[in-house]
Amino acid sequence: MDYTLLGLGVAVIALVAVTASTGRREAERRQMRRLALVERKLDAVLDHLGVEVPEPHMEQVEVLLGQGKTIQAIKAYREATGADLREAKETVDRLGGRD
């Protein structure tokens, strides 16, 4: 068997996989930037109109924070809002006065 040809085939497959992965990550980054822009615009419109959107189920999060159960408060926030871990932690820290 010609190992040079086999090595070249493996290299091509690896290159295709890396290129596809990089393209997918870049598309995700573009999508996240666009989503962030839309969120900023929506926040600006809401501020301009004086509309306040209450956070859902914050009572449970506040009760847990009051009991010193930060991790459970983060979990409750994620379940109530669908937020990712980072966003939930930042929000719960803000609510708990840990800016």
C-alpha atoms as a PDB file:
ATOM      1  CA  MET A   1       0.000   0.000   0.000  1.00  0.00           C
ATOM      2  CA  ASP A   2       1.237   3.485  -0.810  1.00  0.00           C
ATOM      3  CA  TYR A   3       1.468   5.322   2.512  1.00  0.00           C
ATOM      4  CA  THR A   4       2.099   8.648   0.799  1.00  0.00           C
ATOM      5  CA  LEU A   5      -1.296   8.505  -0.850  1.00  0.00           C
ATOM      6  CA  LEU A   6      -2.929   7.425   2.423  1.00  0.00           C
ATOM      7  CA  GLY A   7      -1.213  10.280   4.294  1.00  0.00           C
ATOM      8  CA  LEU A   8      -2.348  12.763   1.653  1.00  0.00           C
ATOM      9  CA  GLY A   9      -5.927  11.483   1.937  1.00  0.00           C
ATOM     10  CA  VAL A  10      -5.896  11.854   5.726  1.00  0.00           C
ATOM     11  CA  ALA A  11      -4.459  15.374   5.398  1.00  0.00           C
ATOM     12  CA  VAL A  12      -7.180  16.389   2.934  1.00  0.00           C
ATOM     13  CA  ILE A  13      -9.908  15.008   5.204  1.00  0.00           C
ATOM     14  CA  ALA A  14      -8.426  16.850   8.195  1.00  0.00           C
ATOM     15  CA  LEU A  15      -8.213  20.095   6.202  1.00  0.00           C
ATOM     16  CA  VAL A  16     -11.842  19.802   5.106  1.00  0.00           C
ATOM     17  CA  ALA A  17     -12.948  19.132   8.698  1.00  0.00           C
ATOM     18  CA  VAL A  18     -11.029  22.119  10.067  1.00  0.00           C
ATOM     19  CA  THR A  19     -12.323  24.403   7.318  1.00  0.00           C
ATOM     20  CA  ALA A  20     -15.931  23.328   7.913  1.00  0.00           C
ATOM     21  CA  SER A  21     -15.557  23.805  11.667  1.00  0.00           C
ATOM     22  CA  THR A  22     -14.028  27.261  11.227  1.00  0.00           C
ATOM     23  CA  GLY A  23     -16.791  28.312   8.847  1.00  0.00           C
ATOM     24  CA  ARG A  24     -19.447  27.115  11.263  1.00  0.00           C
ATOM     25  CA  ARG A  25     -17.873  29.025  14.179  1.00  0.00           C
ATOM     26  CA  GLU A  26     -17.633  32.191  12.097  1.00  0.00           C
ATOM     27  CA  ALA A  27     -21.300  31.868  11.093  1.00  0.00           C
ATOM     28  CA  GLU A  28     -22.238  31.447  14.772  1.00  0.00           C
ATOM     29  CA  ARG A  29     -20.196  34.545  15.692  1.00  0.00           C
ATOM     30  CA  ARG A  30     -21.915  36.578  12.970  1.00  0.00           C
ATOM     31  CA  GLN A  31     -25.295  35.374  14.160  1.00  0.00           C
ATOM     32  CA  MET A  32     -24.473  36.294  17.770  1.00  0.00           C
ATOM     33  CA  ARG A  33     -23.294  39.782  16.727  1.00  0.00           C
ATOM     34  CA  ARG A  34     -26.510  40.333  14.769  1.00  0.00           C
ATOM     35  CA  LEU A  35     -28.623  39.101  17.671  1.00  0.00           C
ATOM     36  CA  ALA A  36     -26.785  41.428  20.071  1.00  0.00           C
ATOM     37  CA  LEU A  37     -27.426  44.344  17.685  1.00  0.00           C
ATOM     38  CA  VAL A  38     -31.138  43.513  17.495  1.00  0.00           C
ATOM     39  CA  GLU A  39     -31.308  43.274  21.295  1.00  0.00           C
ATOM     40  CA  ARG A  40     -29.609  46.682  21.697  1.00  0.00           C
ATOM     41  CA  LYS A  41     -32.041  48.233  19.233  1.00  0.00           C
ATOM     42  CA  LEU A  42     -35.023  46.677  20.969  1.00  0.00           C
ATOM     43  CA  ASP A  43     -33.754  47.899  24.348  1.00  0.00           C
ATOM     44  CA  ALA A  44     -33.386  51.410  22.903  1.00  0.00           C
ATOM     45  CA  VAL A  45     -36.963  51.353  21.561  1.00  0.00           C
ATOM     46  CA  LEU A  46     -38.314  50.114  24.900  1.00  0.00           C
ATOM     47  CA  ASP A  47     -36.346  52.803  26.767  1.00  0.00           C
ATOM     48  CA  HIS A  48     -37.594  55.485  24.378  1.00  0.00           C
ATOM     49  CA  LEU A  49     -41.186  54.386  24.879  1.00  0.00           C
ATOM     50  CA  GLY A  50     -40.745  54.082  28.631  1.00  0.00           C
ATOM     51  CA  VAL A  51     -41.733  50.428  28.592  1.00  0.00           C
ATOM     52  CA  GLU A  52     -40.287  48.221  31.305  1.00  0.00           C
ATOM     53  CA  VAL A  53     -40.225  44.475  30.799  1.00  0.00           C
ATOM     54  CA  PRO A  54     -40.279  42.660  34.153  1.00  0.00           C
ATOM     55  CA  GLU A  55     -38.009  39.707  34.687  1.00  0.00           C
ATOM     56  CA  PRO A  56     -40.050  36.489  34.923  1.00  0.00           C
ATOM     57  CA  HIS A  57     -40.241  34.557  38.201  1.00  0.00           C
ATOM     58  CA  MET A  58     -37.720  36.755  39.949  1.00  0.00           C
ATOM     59  CA  GLU A  59     -39.440  36.197  43.298  1.00  0.00           C
ATOM     60  CA  GLN A  60     -38.009  32.680  43.567  1.00  0.00           C
ATOM     61  CA  VAL A  61     -34.554  33.906  42.570  1.00  0.00           C
ATOM     62  CA  GLU A  62     -34.710  36.678  45.174  1.00  0.00           C
ATOM     63  CA  VAL A  63     -35.865  34.237  47.889  1.00  0.00           C
ATOM     64  CA  LEU A  64     -32.969  31.920  47.095  1.00  0.00           C
ATOM     65  CA  LEU A  65     -30.528  34.826  47.125  1.00  0.00           C
ATOM     66  CA  GLY A  66     -31.898  35.933  50.476  1.00  0.00           C
ATOM     67  CA  GLN A  67     -31.150  32.447  51.805  1.00  0.00           C
ATOM     68  CA  GLY A  68     -27.601  32.642  50.469  1.00  0.00           C
ATOM     69  CA  LYS A  69     -28.288  29.954  47.835  1.00  0.00           C
ATOM     70  CA  THR A  70     -26.622  31.623  44.867  1.00  0.00           C
ATOM     71  CA  ILE A  71     -26.165  28.472  42.786  1.00  0.00           C
ATOM     72  CA  GLN A  72     -29.818  27.512  43.196  1.00  0.00           C
ATOM     73  CA  ALA A  73     -30.801  31.106  42.330  1.00  0.00           C
ATOM     74  CA  ILE A  74     -28.778  30.888  39.111  1.00  0.00           C
ATOM     75  CA  LYS A  75     -30.451  27.585  38.269  1.00  0.00           C
ATOM     76  CA  ALA A  76     -33.921  29.034  38.954  1.00  0.00           C
ATOM     77  CA  TYR A  77     -33.121  32.050  36.763  1.00  0.00           C
ATOM     78  CA  ARG A  78     -31.972  29.808  33.909  1.00  0.00           C
ATOM     79  CA  GLU A  79     -35.107  27.676  34.156  1.00  0.00           C
ATOM     80  CA  ALA A  80     -37.367  30.747  34.203  1.00  0.00           C
ATOM     81  CA  THR A  81     -35.692  32.628  31.361  1.00  0.00           C
ATOM     82  CA  GLY A  82     -33.827  30.106  29.232  1.00  0.00           C
ATOM     83  CA  ALA A  83     -30.665  32.162  29.738  1.00  0.00           C
ATOM     84  CA  ASP A  84     -27.259  30.583  29.374  1.00  0.00           C
ATOM     85  CA  LEU A  85     -25.073  30.059  32.431  1.00  0.00           C
ATOM     86  CA  ARG A  86     -23.009  33.202  31.937  1.00  0.00           C
ATOM     87  CA  GLU A  87     -26.008  35.505  31.512  1.00  0.00           C
ATOM     88  CA  ALA A  88     -27.787  33.921  34.483  1.00  0.00           C
ATOM     89  CA  LYS A  89     -24.743  34.277  36.734  1.00  0.00           C
ATOM     90  CA  GLU A  90     -24.207  37.909  35.738  1.00  0.00           C
ATOM     91  CA  THR A  91     -27.862  38.753  36.353  1.00  0.00           C
ATOM     92  CA  VAL A  92     -28.051  36.927  39.692  1.00  0.00           C
ATOM     93  CA  ASP A  93     -24.790  38.568  40.805  1.00  0.00           C
ATOM     94  CA  ARG A  94     -26.265  41.946  39.865  1.00  0.00           C
ATOM     95  CA  LEU A  95     -29.464  41.183  41.787  1.00  0.00           C
ATOM     96  CA  GLY A  96     -27.451  40.065  44.775  1.00  0.00           C
ATOM     97  CA  GLY A  97     -25.416  43.258  44.749  1.00  0.00           C
ATOM     98  CA  ARG A  98     -22.170  41.661  43.579  1.00  0.00           C
ATOM     99  CA  ASP A  99     -21.315  44.014  40.699  1.00  0.00           C
END
